[in-house]
Amino acid sequence: MTQWISTWKRNGWMTRQKEPVKNIDLWKRLDTAASRHKIAWSWLKGHSGDPDNERADELAAQGAHEAAAEHLANQLGAGPAAVCSSFESPSID
């Protein structure tokens, strides 16, 4: 992560393919937040059975579901709870 972000910043937030970095606003926020801490970044293969990674995936799916429901509710002029009840929510214990 630190190698990517350093290169992107040096290249004006452009990739090696000379395209803008996707989700630049989120990367910039992460860079700012991370600069205040000492972090050891580690690569972990996704969906490999690691309990913490599986939990992170469940939380990400839940967040995406909630964001989609809120967006749809805003489009329909309904409350998120009304829209959420029509979708199956991922199970997180």
Protein backbone atom coordinates (compact mmCIF):
# COMPACT_ATOMS: atom_id res chain seq x y z
CA MET A 1 0.00 0.00 0.00
CA THR A 2 2.73 2.46 0.92
CA GLN A 3 4.55 1.80 -2.36
CA TRP A 4 1.42 2.35 -4.43
CA ILE A 5 0.33 5.50 -2.69
CA SER A 6 3.82 7.03 -2.79
CA THR A 7 4.02 6.41 -6.54
CA TRP A 8 0.52 7.74 -7.12
CA LYS A 9 1.27 10.91 -5.18
CA ARG A 10 4.58 11.41 -7.01
CA ASN A 11 2.72 10.97 -10.34
CA GLY A 12 -0.08 13.39 -9.46
CA TRP A 13 -2.47 10.57 -8.43
CA MET A 14 -2.11 8.83 -11.77
CA THR A 15 -1.51 5.10 -12.32
CA ARG A 16 1.31 3.61 -14.38
CA GLN A 17 -1.19 3.47 -17.24
CA LYS A 18 -1.52 7.29 -16.95
CA GLU A 19 -5.12 6.97 -15.73
CA PRO A 20 -6.51 8.69 -12.63
CA VAL A 21 -6.41 6.54 -9.49
CA LYS A 22 -9.87 5.14 -8.80
CA ASN A 23 -11.55 6.24 -5.56
CA ILE A 24 -8.95 8.99 -5.16
CA ASP A 25 -10.98 10.68 -2.43
CA LEU A 26 -10.88 7.52 -0.31
CA TRP A 27 -7.16 6.94 -0.92
CA LYS A 28 -6.40 10.52 0.10
CA ARG A 29 -8.43 10.13 3.29
CA LEU A 30 -6.66 6.85 4.08
CA ASP A 31 -3.27 8.47 3.42
CA THR A 32 -4.09 11.35 5.76
CA ALA A 33 -5.40 9.06 8.50
CA ALA A 34 -2.49 6.62 8.16
CA SER A 35 0.09 9.41 8.37
CA ARG A 36 -0.91 9.96 12.02
CA HIS A 37 -0.11 6.37 12.98
CA LYS A 38 2.62 3.77 12.71
CA ILE A 39 1.10 1.05 10.54
CA ALA A 40 2.62 -2.20 9.29
CA TRP A 41 0.68 -3.00 6.12
CA SER A 42 0.45 -6.68 5.16
CA TRP A 43 -0.94 -8.29 2.05
CA LEU A 44 -3.41 -11.09 2.72
CA LYS A 45 -5.02 -13.25 0.08
CA GLY A 46 -8.75 -12.63 0.20
CA HIS A 47 -11.29 -15.38 0.83
CA SER A 48 -8.58 -17.75 2.06
CA GLY A 49 -10.29 -18.69 5.31
CA ASP A 50 -8.59 -16.12 7.54
CA PRO A 51 -11.22 -15.32 10.22
CA ASP A 52 -10.42 -11.61 10.39
CA ASN A 53 -10.46 -11.26 6.61
CA GLU A 54 -13.76 -13.13 6.39
CA ARG A 55 -15.22 -10.82 9.06
CA ALA A 56 -13.97 -7.77 7.18
CA ASP A 57 -15.62 -9.11 4.02
CA GLU A 58 -18.92 -9.58 5.87
CA LEU A 59 -18.77 -6.04 7.25
CA ALA A 60 -17.93 -4.64 3.81
CA ALA A 61 -20.90 -6.51 2.29
CA GLN A 62 -23.17 -5.17 5.03
CA GLY A 63 -21.92 -1.62 4.48
CA ALA A 64 -22.45 -1.91 0.73
CA HIS A 65 -25.95 -3.24 1.30
CA GLU A 66 -26.80 -0.39 3.67
CA ALA A 67 -25.33 2.23 1.32
CA ALA A 68 -27.29 0.82 -1.63
CA ALA A 69 -30.50 0.80 0.41
CA GLU A 70 -29.93 4.39 1.53
CA HIS A 71 -29.22 5.48 -2.04
CA LEU A 72 -32.35 3.74 -3.31
CA ALA A 73 -34.42 5.21 -0.47
CA ASN A 74 -33.19 8.68 -1.38
CA GLN A 75 -34.11 8.08 -5.01
CA LEU A 76 -37.58 6.84 -4.05
CA GLY A 77 -38.17 9.38 -1.31
CA ALA A 78 -38.65 6.58 1.24
CA GLY A 79 -36.81 5.88 4.47
CA PRO A 80 -33.87 3.43 4.39
CA ALA A 81 -35.70 1.07 6.75
CA ALA A 82 -38.51 0.67 4.23
CA VAL A 83 -36.07 -0.23 1.48
CA CYS A 84 -33.86 -2.44 3.69
CA SER A 85 -36.79 -4.64 4.62
CA SER A 86 -37.21 -5.59 0.97
CA PHE A 87 -33.62 -6.83 0.64
CA GLU A 88 -31.99 -9.84 2.28
CA SER A 89 -29.27 -8.62 4.59
CA PRO A 90 -26.00 -10.56 4.99
CA SER A 91 -25.70 -12.45 8.23
CA ILE A 92 -23.04 -11.20 10.61
CA ASP A 93 -22.81 -12.62 14.08
